[in-house]
Amino acid sequence: RPASNAKFIFNDETKQLDLMEESKTGRVMDLDASITAINDALLRGEHSISLVIVEDQPQIPGTATGQELGITELIASQTSYFYGSSPARIQNIQTAAARFHGVMVAPGATFSMGEAMGDVSLDNGFAEALIIYGGRTIKGVGGGVCQVSTTLFRTVFNAGFPVVERNPHAYRVSYYEQTASGAIDQDLAGLDATVYFPLVDFKFKNDSPYWILMETYATNSSLTWKFYSTSDGRSVTWDTTGPINVIPAPPPLFELNEELAKNQMEQVDYAANGADVTVTRTVYQNGAVLFQDQYFTQYQPWQAICQYGPDSRNPEKLAAEKNLCRTPSS
């Protein structure tokens, strides 16, 4: 397997790196040398051929220091909130976030969130929770991971690094617009990012001359992502159109579910109004404009779906009694 870098956390008191996980030397196949060995053996008529295996050394040993790597201060920190999440969604957020705690990004490197996170499966500590798939919100392994990608996107965005790949959600999800008080801030619309690797990824480039150390801290209702590096004089301003061209959500859909009891009802999808949002970011370096970019998001109007058991009374009245399948106000 390939070598793995040492993992550190930044000690805010001493301004030094504290070793969290030692580096490991790897062993990988030398592809060019192996092909040459195979061709030579075939010419000799041999049928048993040994591949060429070489040591793979880590880029960052456990003895590395912050000064050597250019990791000397906190350069960005962002927190997102997810009050009201299910235990399974919280588990997935905490499991995914932990994959990035202590991970570093080299100068000039493009970081892929999907590659760093690895396999999202039950075997790797993830649970089944709601995901958006095939035009519906359904249960799937890893539901909630997009809270993690959204938080990373906002940290990259506010740190002033170039975004290489970002994909928004199909519809507005209230978790991604929550504030510390649990209220909804519409200015956060258009600042979400989804990951469904390998089909959909989030990537950014560290175009600074210093390494970036990432730290993640998840609770049951919030996720904080920190970037430690050395400031190269960047600052960021941004503005947003907010949700415009709003399209009301369709009326709710009521479906029969043979597995439910009489007069039992469950909501399996939630209404959201469609809207367009354009966020414009300007990145400065030492007061001069370094670059400007825009993020356009077109959210679809989304239909609420409620399922009811056989022989139930009027589904609309049943939904009203249970306060389900409501129409969004904004």
C-alpha atoms as a PDB file:
ATOM      1  CA  ARG A   1       0.000   0.000   0.000  1.00  0.00           C
ATOM      2  CA  PRO A   2       1.158   3.612  -0.567  1.00  0.00           C
ATOM      3  CA  ALA A   3       2.950   5.552   2.139  1.00  0.00           C
ATOM      4  CA  SER A   4       0.854   7.629   4.540  1.00  0.00           C
ATOM      5  CA  ASN A   5       1.853  11.026   5.883  1.00  0.00           C
ATOM      6  CA  ALA A   6       2.081  11.816   9.553  1.00  0.00           C
ATOM      7  CA  LYS A   7      -0.988  13.552  10.999  1.00  0.00           C
ATOM      8  CA  PHE A   8      -0.734  16.516  13.336  1.00  0.00           C
ATOM      9  CA  ILE A   9      -2.914  18.974  15.163  1.00  0.00           C
ATOM     10  CA  PHE A  10      -1.896  22.578  15.646  1.00  0.00           C
ATOM     11  CA  ASN A  11      -1.277  23.582  19.253  1.00  0.00           C
ATOM     12  CA  ASP A  12      -2.830  27.043  19.551  1.00  0.00           C
ATOM     13  CA  GLU A  13      -0.848  27.788  22.719  1.00  0.00           C
ATOM     14  CA  THR A  14       2.645  26.771  21.608  1.00  0.00           C
ATOM     15  CA  LYS A  15       2.038  27.487  17.865  1.00  0.00           C
ATOM     16  CA  GLN A  16       3.696  24.134  17.151  1.00  0.00           C
ATOM     17  CA  LEU A  17       2.528  20.875  15.605  1.00  0.00           C
ATOM     18  CA  ASP A  18       1.573  18.045  17.974  1.00  0.00           C
ATOM     19  CA  LEU A  19       1.978  14.595  16.430  1.00  0.00           C
ATOM     20  CA  MET A  20      -1.308  12.717  16.255  1.00  0.00           C
ATOM     21  CA  GLU A  21      -0.401   9.791  13.986  1.00  0.00           C
ATOM     22  CA  GLU A  22       3.053   8.670  12.801  1.00  0.00           C
ATOM     23  CA  SER A  23       3.864   8.393   9.106  1.00  0.00           C
ATOM     24  CA  LYS A  24       4.156   4.984   7.455  1.00  0.00           C
ATOM     25  CA  THR A  25       6.479   3.822   4.700  1.00  0.00           C
ATOM     26  CA  GLY A  26       4.601   2.083   1.900  1.00  0.00           C
ATOM     27  CA  ARG A  27       5.381  -0.543  -0.703  1.00  0.00           C
ATOM     28  CA  VAL A  28       4.164   0.023  -4.256  1.00  0.00           C
ATOM     29  CA  MET A  29       4.700  -1.520  -7.662  1.00  0.00           C
ATOM     30  CA  ASP A  30       7.133   0.233  -9.977  1.00  0.00           C
ATOM     31  CA  LEU A  31       4.962   0.115 -13.085  1.00  0.00           C
ATOM     32  CA  ASP A  32       7.630   0.962 -15.687  1.00  0.00           C
ATOM     33  CA  ALA A  33      10.198  -1.424 -14.217  1.00  0.00           C
ATOM     34  CA  SER A  34       7.572  -4.182 -13.910  1.00  0.00           C
ATOM     35  CA  ILE A  35       6.528  -3.810 -17.565  1.00  0.00           C
ATOM     36  CA  THR A  36      10.178  -4.012 -18.611  1.00  0.00           C
ATOM     37  CA  ALA A  37      10.671  -7.133 -16.461  1.00  0.00           C
ATOM     38  CA  ILE A  38       7.550  -8.758 -17.934  1.00  0.00           C
ATOM     39  CA  ASN A  39       8.628  -8.058 -21.529  1.00  0.00           C
ATOM     40  CA  ASP A  40      12.158  -9.328 -20.897  1.00  0.00           C
ATOM     41  CA  ALA A  41      10.849 -12.504 -19.244  1.00  0.00           C
ATOM     42  CA  LEU A  42       8.436 -13.169 -22.102  1.00  0.00           C
ATOM     43  CA  LEU A  43      11.273 -12.850 -24.617  1.00  0.00           C
ATOM     44  CA  ARG A  44      13.161 -15.465 -22.603  1.00  0.00           C
ATOM     45  CA  GLY A  45      10.136 -17.727 -22.656  1.00  0.00           C
ATOM     46  CA  GLU A  46       9.592 -17.563 -18.910  1.00  0.00           C
ATOM     47  CA  HIS A  47       6.084 -17.970 -17.503  1.00  0.00           C
ATOM     48  CA  SER A  48       6.724 -16.938 -13.899  1.00  0.00           C
ATOM     49  CA  ILE A  49       7.568 -13.255 -13.502  1.00  0.00           C
ATOM     50  CA  SER A  50       8.198 -11.217 -10.363  1.00  0.00           C
ATOM     51  CA  LEU A  51       6.860  -7.661 -10.277  1.00  0.00           C
ATOM     52  CA  VAL A  52       9.184  -4.877  -9.147  1.00  0.00           C
ATOM     53  CA  ILE A  53       8.133  -3.597  -5.713  1.00  0.00           C
ATOM     54  CA  VAL A  54       9.764  -0.478  -4.253  1.00  0.00           C
ATOM     55  CA  GLU A  55       9.498   1.456  -1.025  1.00  0.00           C
ATOM     56  CA  ASP A  56       7.206   4.490  -1.058  1.00  0.00           C
ATOM     57  CA  GLN A  57       8.360   7.198   1.340  1.00  0.00           C
ATOM     58  CA  PRO A  58       5.878   9.611   2.964  1.00  0.00           C
ATOM     59  CA  GLN A  59       6.079  13.297   2.085  1.00  0.00           C
ATOM     60  CA  ILE A  60       5.648  14.290   5.722  1.00  0.00           C
ATOM     61  CA  PRO A  61       7.497  12.358   8.466  1.00  0.00           C
ATOM     62  CA  GLY A  62       6.506  12.540  12.106  1.00  0.00           C
ATOM     63  CA  THR A  63       9.526  14.753  12.776  1.00  0.00           C
ATOM     64  CA  ALA A  64       8.248  17.568  10.518  1.00  0.00           C
ATOM     65  CA  THR A  65       7.748  20.973  12.117  1.00  0.00           C
ATOM     66  CA  GLY A  66       5.262  23.735  11.435  1.00  0.00           C
ATOM     67  CA  GLN A  67       8.047  26.080  10.387  1.00  0.00           C
ATOM     68  CA  GLU A  68       9.288  23.590   7.789  1.00  0.00           C
ATOM     69  CA  LEU A  69       5.801  23.125   6.361  1.00  0.00           C
ATOM     70  CA  GLY A  70       4.616  26.702   6.645  1.00  0.00           C
ATOM     71  CA  ILE A  71       1.922  25.822   9.165  1.00  0.00           C
ATOM     72  CA  THR A  72       2.154  28.647  11.673  1.00  0.00           C
ATOM     73  CA  GLU A  73      -1.346  30.082  12.235  1.00  0.00           C
ATOM     74  CA  LEU A  74      -5.085  29.687  11.781  1.00  0.00           C
ATOM     75  CA  ILE A  75      -6.033  31.149   8.384  1.00  0.00           C
ATOM     76  CA  ALA A  76      -9.714  30.127   8.132  1.00  0.00           C
ATOM     77  CA  SER A  77     -12.494  28.570  10.200  1.00  0.00           C
ATOM     78  CA  GLN A  78     -16.118  27.898   9.332  1.00  0.00           C
ATOM     79  CA  THR A  79     -18.967  26.302  11.288  1.00  0.00           C
ATOM     80  CA  SER A  80     -22.205  24.859   9.926  1.00  0.00           C
ATOM     81  CA  TYR A  81     -25.203  23.742  11.991  1.00  0.00           C
ATOM     82  CA  PHE A  82     -27.643  20.856  11.707  1.00  0.00           C
ATOM     83  CA  TYR A  83     -30.134  21.071  14.558  1.00  0.00           C
ATOM     84  CA  GLY A  84     -32.885  18.465  14.264  1.00  0.00           C
ATOM     85  CA  SER A  85     -30.809  15.870  12.448  1.00  0.00           C
ATOM     86  CA  SER A  86     -31.528  12.201  13.030  1.00  0.00           C
ATOM     87  CA  PRO A  87     -29.041  10.093  15.036  1.00  0.00           C
ATOM     88  CA  ALA A  88     -28.018   8.330  11.798  1.00  0.00           C
ATOM     89  CA  ARG A  89     -27.325  11.633  10.025  1.00  0.00           C
ATOM     90  CA  ILE A  90     -25.283  12.873  13.003  1.00  0.00           C
ATOM     91  CA  GLN A  91     -23.295   9.613  12.979  1.00  0.00           C
ATOM     92  CA  ASN A  92     -22.491  10.047   9.306  1.00  0.00           C
ATOM     93  CA  ILE A  93     -21.390  13.667   9.757  1.00  0.00           C
ATOM     94  CA  GLN A  94     -19.096  12.747  12.640  1.00  0.00           C
ATOM     95  CA  THR A  95     -17.704   9.677  10.838  1.00  0.00           C
ATOM     96  CA  ALA A  96     -16.993  11.580   7.618  1.00  0.00           C
ATOM     97  CA  ALA A  97     -15.536  14.631   9.374  1.00  0.00           C
ATOM     98  CA  ALA A  98     -13.108  12.464  11.339  1.00  0.00           C
ATOM     99  CA  ARG A  99     -11.549  11.294   8.056  1.00  0.00           C
ATOM    100  CA  PHE A 100     -10.140  14.800   7.506  1.00  0.00           C
ATOM    101  CA  HIS A 101      -8.869  15.631  10.986  1.00  0.00           C
ATOM    102  CA  GLY A 102      -5.097  16.097  10.702  1.00  0.00           C
ATOM    103  CA  VAL A 103      -4.993  15.723   6.907  1.00  0.00           C
ATOM    104  CA  MET A 104      -2.651  18.053   5.007  1.00  0.00           C
ATOM    105  CA  VAL A 105      -2.735  19.545   1.523  1.00  0.00           C
ATOM    106  CA  ALA A 106       0.591  20.193  -0.223  1.00  0.00           C
ATOM    107  CA  PRO A 107       1.458  23.498  -1.891  1.00  0.00           C
ATOM    108  CA  GLY A 108       0.212  23.438  -5.483  1.00  0.00           C
ATOM    109  CA  ALA A 109      -1.881  20.293  -4.915  1.00  0.00           C
ATOM    110  CA  THR A 110      -5.524  19.814  -5.871  1.00  0.00           C
ATOM    111  CA  PHE A 111      -7.409  18.184  -2.985  1.00  0.00           C
ATOM    112  CA  SER A 112     -10.223  15.739  -3.708  1.00  0.00           C
ATOM    113  CA  MET A 113     -12.652  15.298  -0.847  1.00  0.00           C
ATOM    114  CA  GLY A 114     -13.978  12.043  -2.286  1.00  0.00           C
ATOM    115  CA  GLU A 115     -10.549  10.457  -2.590  1.00  0.00           C
ATOM    116  CA  ALA A 116      -9.572  11.491   0.944  1.00  0.00           C
ATOM    117  CA  MET A 117     -12.835  10.262   2.462  1.00  0.00           C
ATOM    118  CA  GLY A 118     -12.640   6.816   0.917  1.00  0.00           C
ATOM    119  CA  ASP A 119     -15.420   4.243   0.826  1.00  0.00           C
ATOM    120  CA  VAL A 120     -18.734   5.304   2.370  1.00  0.00           C
ATOM    121  CA  SER A 121     -20.155   2.002   3.620  1.00  0.00           C
ATOM    122  CA  LEU A 122     -21.740   0.359   6.633  1.00  0.00           C
ATOM    123  CA  ASP A 123     -18.460  -1.481   7.243  1.00  0.00           C
ATOM    124  CA  ASN A 124     -16.651   1.859   7.584  1.00  0.00           C
ATOM    125  CA  GLY A 125     -18.912   3.243  10.291  1.00  0.00           C
ATOM    126  CA  PHE A 126     -21.571   4.971   8.195  1.00  0.00           C
ATOM    127  CA  ALA A 127     -25.309   4.532   8.696  1.00  0.00           C
ATOM    128  CA  GLU A 128     -28.401   4.745   6.510  1.00  0.00           C
ATOM    129  CA  ALA A 129     -29.943   8.226   6.417  1.00  0.00           C
ATOM    130  CA  LEU A 130     -31.727  10.422   3.873  1.00  0.00           C
ATOM    131  CA  ILE A 131     -29.973  11.146   0.572  1.00  0.00           C
ATOM    132  CA  ILE A 132     -31.125  12.761  -2.695  1.00  0.00           C
ATOM    133  CA  TYR A 133     -31.169  10.165  -5.457  1.00  0.00           C
ATOM    134  CA  GLY A 134     -33.123   9.781  -8.680  1.00  0.00           C
ATOM    135  CA  GLY A 135     -35.269  12.835  -8.093  1.00  0.00           C
ATOM    136  CA  ARG A 136     -36.375  11.753  -4.622  1.00  0.00           C
ATOM    137  CA  THR A 137     -35.143  11.866  -1.066  1.00  0.00           C
ATOM    138  CA  ILE A 138     -34.567   8.285   0.000  1.00  0.00           C
ATOM    139  CA  LYS A 139     -32.649   6.310   2.605  1.00  0.00           C
ATOM    140  CA  GLY A 140     -29.065   5.574   1.650  1.00  0.00           C
ATOM    141  CA  VAL A 141     -25.729   4.869   3.298  1.00  0.00           C
ATOM    142  CA  GLY A 142     -23.930   8.074   4.211  1.00  0.00           C
ATOM    143  CA  GLY A 143     -26.839  10.519   4.252  1.00  0.00           C
ATOM    144  CA  GLY A 144     -25.514  13.711   5.857  1.00  0.00           C
ATOM    145  CA  VAL A 145     -22.019  13.550   4.374  1.00  0.00           C
ATOM    146  CA  CYS A 146     -22.938  16.653   2.361  1.00  0.00           C
ATOM    147  CA  GLN A 147     -22.991  18.639   5.611  1.00  0.00           C
ATOM    148  CA  VAL A 148     -19.262  17.885   5.676  1.00  0.00           C
ATOM    149  CA  SER A 149     -18.647  18.828   2.034  1.00  0.00           C
ATOM    150  CA  THR A 150     -20.669  22.022   2.503  1.00  0.00           C
ATOM    151  CA  THR A 151     -18.577  23.009   5.522  1.00  0.00           C
ATOM    152  CA  LEU A 152     -15.341  22.317   3.623  1.00  0.00           C
ATOM    153  CA  PHE A 153     -16.579  24.373   0.656  1.00  0.00           C
ATOM    154  CA  ARG A 154     -17.305  27.352   2.902  1.00  0.00           C
ATOM    155  CA  THR A 155     -13.889  27.098   4.547  1.00  0.00           C
ATOM    156  CA  VAL A 156     -12.167  27.022   1.149  1.00  0.00           C
ATOM    157  CA  PHE A 157     -14.436  29.820  -0.077  1.00  0.00           C
ATOM    158  CA  ASN A 158     -13.648  32.114   2.863  1.00  0.00           C
ATOM    159  CA  ALA A 159      -9.943  31.224   2.864  1.00  0.00           C
ATOM    160  CA  GLY A 160      -9.711  32.465  -0.730  1.00  0.00           C
ATOM    161  CA  PHE A 161      -8.525  29.262  -2.412  1.00  0.00           C
ATOM    162  CA  PRO A 162      -9.632  28.337  -5.959  1.00  0.00           C
ATOM    163  CA  VAL A 163     -12.523  25.876  -6.161  1.00  0.00           C
ATOM    164  CA  VAL A 164     -11.876  23.254  -8.849  1.00  0.00           C
ATOM    165  CA  GLU A 165     -15.154  21.313  -8.594  1.00  0.00           C
ATOM    166  CA  ARG A 166     -18.332  22.118  -6.693  1.00  0.00           C
ATOM    167  CA  ASN A 167     -21.810  20.679  -7.242  1.00  0.00           C
ATOM    168  CA  PRO A 168     -24.898  22.094  -5.510  1.00  0.00           C
ATOM    169  CA  HIS A 169     -27.839  20.080  -4.213  1.00  0.00           C
ATOM    170  CA  ALA A 170     -30.906  19.557  -6.378  1.00  0.00           C
ATOM    171  CA  TYR A 171     -33.055  21.547  -3.950  1.00  0.00           C
ATOM    172  CA  ARG A 172     -32.618  23.857  -0.983  1.00  0.00           C
ATOM    173  CA  VAL A 173     -31.911  21.892   2.193  1.00  0.00           C
ATOM    174  CA  SER A 174     -32.624  23.833   5.386  1.00  0.00           C
ATOM    175  CA  TYR A 175     -29.663  22.301   7.265  1.00  0.00           C
ATOM    176  CA  TYR A 176     -27.266  24.194   5.008  1.00  0.00           C
ATOM    177  CA  GLU A 177     -28.885  27.536   5.791  1.00  0.00           C
ATOM    178  CA  GLN A 178     -29.030  27.145   9.589  1.00  0.00           C
ATOM    179  CA  THR A 179     -27.343  29.629  11.901  1.00  0.00           C
ATOM    180  CA  ALA A 180     -26.014  29.109  15.421  1.00  0.00           C
ATOM    181  CA  SER A 181     -29.458  29.964  16.806  1.00  0.00           C
ATOM    182  CA  GLY A 182     -31.184  27.425  14.538  1.00  0.00           C
ATOM    183  CA  ALA A 183     -32.753  30.161  12.404  1.00  0.00           C
ATOM    184  CA  ILE A 184     -32.578  30.139   8.606  1.00  0.00           C
ATOM    185  CA  ASP A 185     -30.286  32.647   6.881  1.00  0.00           C
ATOM    186  CA  GLN A 186     -31.226  32.857   3.191  1.00  0.00           C
ATOM    187  CA  ASP A 187     -27.847  34.433   2.419  1.00  0.00           C
ATOM    188  CA  LEU A 188     -26.360  30.964   2.950  1.00  0.00           C
ATOM    189  CA  ALA A 189     -28.369  29.583   0.018  1.00  0.00           C
ATOM    190  CA  GLY A 190     -26.028  28.785  -2.839  1.00  0.00           C
ATOM    191  CA  LEU A 191     -23.137  27.977  -0.506  1.00  0.00           C
ATOM    192  CA  ASP A 192     -23.711  24.217  -0.309  1.00  0.00           C
ATOM    193  CA  ALA A 193     -21.738  21.421  -1.942  1.00  0.00           C
ATOM    194  CA  THR A 194     -22.645  17.791  -2.482  1.00  0.00           C
ATOM    195  CA  VAL A 195     -20.346  14.779  -2.816  1.00  0.00           C
ATOM    196  CA  TYR A 196     -21.355  11.401  -4.229  1.00  0.00           C
ATOM    197  CA  PHE A 197     -17.971   9.915  -5.071  1.00  0.00           C
ATOM    198  CA  PRO A 198     -16.744   8.966  -7.637  1.00  0.00           C
ATOM    199  CA  LEU A 199     -19.543  10.545  -9.710  1.00  0.00           C
ATOM    200  CA  VAL A 200     -19.669  13.860  -7.833  1.00  0.00           C
ATOM    201  CA  ASP A 201     -16.736  15.377  -5.943  1.00  0.00           C
ATOM    202  CA  PHE A 202     -15.601  18.565  -4.275  1.00  0.00           C
ATOM    203  CA  LYS A 203     -12.085  19.742  -5.142  1.00  0.00           C
ATOM    204  CA  PHE A 204      -9.993  22.790  -4.393  1.00  0.00           C
ATOM    205  CA  LYS A 205      -6.438  23.880  -5.142  1.00  0.00           C
ATOM    206  CA  ASN A 206      -3.876  24.997  -2.602  1.00  0.00           C
ATOM    207  CA  ASP A 207      -2.242  27.656  -4.771  1.00  0.00           C
ATOM    208  CA  SER A 208      -0.196  29.032  -1.875  1.00  0.00           C
ATOM    209  CA  PRO A 209       3.476  28.195  -1.155  1.00  0.00           C
ATOM    210  CA  TYR A 210       2.569  26.630   2.209  1.00  0.00           C
ATOM    211  CA  TRP A 211       1.053  23.360   3.382  1.00  0.00           C
ATOM    212  CA  ILE A 212      -2.512  23.428   4.748  1.00  0.00           C
ATOM    213  CA  LEU A 213      -3.385  21.449   7.878  1.00  0.00           C
ATOM    214  CA  MET A 214      -7.096  20.677   8.244  1.00  0.00           C
ATOM    215  CA  GLU A 215      -8.831  20.056  11.565  1.00  0.00           C
ATOM    216  CA  THR A 216     -12.481  19.080  12.019  1.00  0.00           C
ATOM    217  CA  TYR A 217     -14.607  19.252  15.179  1.00  0.00           C
ATOM    218  CA  ALA A 218     -18.115  17.758  15.127  1.00  0.00           C
ATOM    219  CA  THR A 219     -20.760  17.871  17.865  1.00  0.00           C
ATOM    220  CA  ASN A 220     -24.356  16.634  17.723  1.00  0.00           C
ATOM    221  CA  SER A 221     -25.461  19.902  16.112  1.00  0.00           C
ATOM    222  CA  SER A 222     -22.446  21.633  14.540  1.00  0.00           C
ATOM    223  CA  LEU A 223     -19.309  21.027  12.499  1.00  0.00           C
ATOM    224  CA  THR A 224     -16.278  23.333  12.588  1.00  0.00           C
ATOM    225  CA  TRP A 225     -13.577  23.077   9.926  1.00  0.00           C
ATOM    226  CA  LYS A 226     -10.225  24.816  10.447  1.00  0.00           C
ATOM    227  CA  PHE A 227      -7.368  25.565   8.065  1.00  0.00           C
ATOM    228  CA  TYR A 228      -3.910  26.128   9.542  1.00  0.00           C
ATOM    229  CA  SER A 229      -1.160  27.457   7.272  1.00  0.00           C
ATOM    230  CA  THR A 230       0.610  30.796   6.837  1.00  0.00           C
ATOM    231  CA  SER A 231      -1.301  33.793   5.560  1.00  0.00           C
ATOM    232  CA  ASP A 232      -0.103  35.068   2.199  1.00  0.00           C
ATOM    233  CA  GLY A 233      -2.099  38.275   2.531  1.00  0.00           C
ATOM    234  CA  ARG A 234      -5.426  36.998   1.193  1.00  0.00           C
ATOM    235  CA  SER A 235      -8.801  38.391   2.189  1.00  0.00           C
ATOM    236  CA  VAL A 236     -12.267  37.660   0.827  1.00  0.00           C
ATOM    237  CA  THR A 237     -15.455  39.634   0.238  1.00  0.00           C
ATOM    238  CA  TRP A 238     -18.620  38.207  -1.266  1.00  0.00           C
ATOM    239  CA  ASP A 239     -22.170  39.112  -2.069  1.00  0.00           C
ATOM    240  CA  THR A 240     -25.263  37.174  -3.071  1.00  0.00           C
ATOM    241  CA  THR A 241     -28.449  37.767  -4.991  1.00  0.00           C
ATOM    242  CA  GLY A 242     -30.214  35.615  -2.408  1.00  0.00           C
ATOM    243  CA  PRO A 243     -32.950  33.309  -3.711  1.00  0.00           C
ATOM    244  CA  ILE A 244     -34.560  34.939  -6.782  1.00  0.00           C
ATOM    245  CA  ASN A 245     -36.879  33.687  -9.533  1.00  0.00           C
ATOM    246  CA  VAL A 246     -38.663  31.698  -6.845  1.00  0.00           C
ATOM    247  CA  ILE A 247     -40.870  28.853  -8.106  1.00  0.00           C
ATOM    248  CA  PRO A 248     -43.376  27.527  -5.529  1.00  0.00           C
ATOM    249  CA  ALA A 249     -43.106  23.887  -4.556  1.00  0.00           C
ATOM    250  CA  PRO A 250     -45.668  21.584  -6.219  1.00  0.00           C
ATOM    251  CA  PRO A 251     -48.672  20.448  -4.171  1.00  0.00           C
ATOM    252  CA  PRO A 252     -47.890  17.459  -1.961  1.00  0.00           C
ATOM    253  CA  LEU A 253     -48.175  13.933  -3.299  1.00  0.00           C
ATOM    254  CA  PHE A 254     -50.010  11.302  -1.257  1.00  0.00           C
ATOM    255  CA  GLU A 255     -49.085   7.653  -1.838  1.00  0.00           C
ATOM    256  CA  LEU A 256     -50.533   4.402  -0.562  1.00  0.00           C
ATOM    257  CA  ASN A 257     -48.054   2.295   1.395  1.00  0.00           C
ATOM    258  CA  GLU A 258     -49.309  -1.221   2.084  1.00  0.00           C
ATOM    259  CA  GLU A 259     -46.812  -1.590   4.935  1.00  0.00           C
ATOM    260  CA  LEU A 260     -48.392   1.191   7.011  1.00  0.00           C
ATOM    261  CA  ALA A 261     -51.388   0.738   9.310  1.00  0.00           C
ATOM    262  CA  LYS A 262     -54.797   2.350   8.824  1.00  0.00           C
ATOM    263  CA  ASN A 263     -54.637   6.122   9.404  1.00  0.00           C
ATOM    264  CA  GLN A 264     -50.864   5.926   9.810  1.00  0.00           C
ATOM    265  CA  MET A 265     -48.925   8.471   7.765  1.00  0.00           C
ATOM    266  CA  GLU A 266     -45.225   9.083   7.172  1.00  0.00           C
ATOM    267  CA  GLN A 267     -43.589  11.937   5.302  1.00  0.00           C
ATOM    268  CA  VAL A 268     -40.858  10.611   2.996  1.00  0.00           C
ATOM    269  CA  ASP A 269     -39.974  13.821   1.126  1.00  0.00           C
ATOM    270  CA  TYR A 270     -40.112  17.493   2.006  1.00  0.00           C
ATOM    271  CA  ALA A 271     -41.262  20.488  -0.023  1.00  0.00           C
ATOM    272  CA  ALA A 272     -38.868  23.230  -1.080  1.00  0.00           C
ATOM    273  CA  ASN A 273     -39.406  26.206  -3.358  1.00  0.00           C
ATOM    274  CA  GLY A 274     -37.230  26.434  -6.431  1.00  0.00           C
ATOM    275  CA  ALA A 275     -34.936  29.434  -6.822  1.00  0.00           C
ATOM    276  CA  ASP A 276     -31.841  30.803  -8.523  1.00  0.00           C
ATOM    277  CA  VAL A 277     -28.893  32.091  -6.491  1.00  0.00           C
ATOM    278  CA  THR A 278     -25.680  33.734  -7.673  1.00  0.00           C
ATOM    279  CA  VAL A 279     -22.844  34.222  -5.184  1.00  0.00           C
ATOM    280  CA  THR A 280     -19.911  36.412  -6.253  1.00  0.00           C
ATOM    281  CA  ARG A 281     -16.569  36.125  -4.454  1.00  0.00           C
ATOM    282  CA  THR A 282     -13.650  38.531  -4.708  1.00  0.00           C
ATOM    283  CA  VAL A 283     -10.279  37.382  -3.397  1.00  0.00           C
ATOM    284  CA  TYR A 284      -7.699  40.048  -2.593  1.00  0.00           C
ATOM    285  CA  GLN A 285      -4.001  39.675  -1.871  1.00  0.00           C
ATOM    286  CA  ASN A 286      -2.386  42.511   0.035  1.00  0.00           C
ATOM    287  CA  GLY A 287      -5.236  44.779  -1.024  1.00  0.00           C
ATOM    288  CA  ALA A 288      -5.129  44.024  -4.779  1.00  0.00           C
ATOM    289  CA  VAL A 289      -7.684  41.795  -6.526  1.00  0.00           C
ATOM    290  CA  LEU A 290      -6.194  38.313  -6.986  1.00  0.00           C
ATOM    291  CA  PHE A 291      -9.241  36.793  -8.705  1.00  0.00           C
ATOM    292  CA  GLN A 292     -13.026  36.883  -8.750  1.00  0.00           C
ATOM    293  CA  ASP A 293     -15.417  33.979  -9.302  1.00  0.00           C
ATOM    294  CA  GLN A 294     -19.137  33.283  -9.328  1.00  0.00           C
ATOM    295  CA  TYR A 295     -21.240  30.371  -8.110  1.00  0.00           C
ATOM    296  CA  PHE A 296     -24.606  29.997  -9.820  1.00  0.00           C
ATOM    297  CA  THR A 297     -27.096  27.554  -8.335  1.00  0.00           C
ATOM    298  CA  GLN A 298     -30.492  26.645  -9.753  1.00  0.00           C
ATOM    299  CA  TYR A 299     -32.537  24.840  -7.126  1.00  0.00           C
ATOM    300  CA  GLN A 300     -35.483  22.789  -8.348  1.00  0.00           C
ATOM    301  CA  PRO A 301     -38.929  23.117  -6.796  1.00  0.00           C
ATOM    302  CA  TRP A 302     -39.335  19.982  -4.703  1.00  0.00           C
ATOM    303  CA  GLN A 303     -42.491  18.077  -3.862  1.00  0.00           C
ATOM    304  CA  ALA A 304     -43.476  16.872  -0.419  1.00  0.00           C
ATOM    305  CA  ILE A 305     -44.529  13.207  -0.378  1.00  0.00           C
ATOM    306  CA  CYS A 306     -46.597  11.556   2.352  1.00  0.00           C
ATOM    307  CA  GLN A 307     -47.449   7.878   2.474  1.00  0.00           C
ATOM    308  CA  TYR A 308     -50.524   6.459   4.222  1.00  0.00           C
ATOM    309  CA  GLY A 309     -51.785   3.020   5.166  1.00  0.00           C
ATOM    310  CA  PRO A 310     -54.655   1.106   3.505  1.00  0.00           C
ATOM    311  CA  ASP A 311     -58.237   2.166   4.385  1.00  0.00           C
ATOM    312  CA  SER A 312     -57.019   5.457   5.838  1.00  0.00           C
ATOM    313  CA  ARG A 313     -59.377   8.450   5.873  1.00  0.00           C
ATOM    314  CA  ASN A 314     -58.851  11.473   3.589  1.00  0.00           C
ATOM    315  CA  PRO A 315     -55.049  11.794   3.185  1.00  0.00           C
ATOM    316  CA  GLU A 316     -55.092  15.612   3.000  1.00  0.00           C
ATOM    317  CA  LYS A 317     -57.018  15.895   6.270  1.00  0.00           C
ATOM    318  CA  LEU A 318     -54.820  13.240   7.878  1.00  0.00           C
ATOM    319  CA  ALA A 319     -51.716  15.187   6.873  1.00  0.00           C
ATOM    320  CA  ALA A 320     -53.148  18.427   8.269  1.00  0.00           C
ATOM    321  CA  GLU A 321     -53.949  16.740  11.593  1.00  0.00           C
ATOM    322  CA  LYS A 322     -50.418  15.381  11.849  1.00  0.00           C
ATOM    323  CA  ASN A 323     -48.808  18.628  10.601  1.00  0.00           C
ATOM    324  CA  LEU A 324     -47.172  16.811   7.688  1.00  0.00           C
ATOM    325  CA  CYS A 325     -46.534  17.671   4.020  1.00  0.00           C
ATOM    326  CA  ARG A 326     -46.630  21.420   4.626  1.00  0.00           C
ATOM    327  CA  THR A 327     -45.914  24.015   1.941  1.00  0.00           C
ATOM    328  CA  PRO A 328     -42.746  26.077   2.525  1.00  0.00           C
ATOM    329  CA  SER A 329     -43.268  29.768   3.252  1.00  0.00           C
ATOM    330  CA  SER A 330     -40.080  30.978   1.553  1.00  0.00           C
END
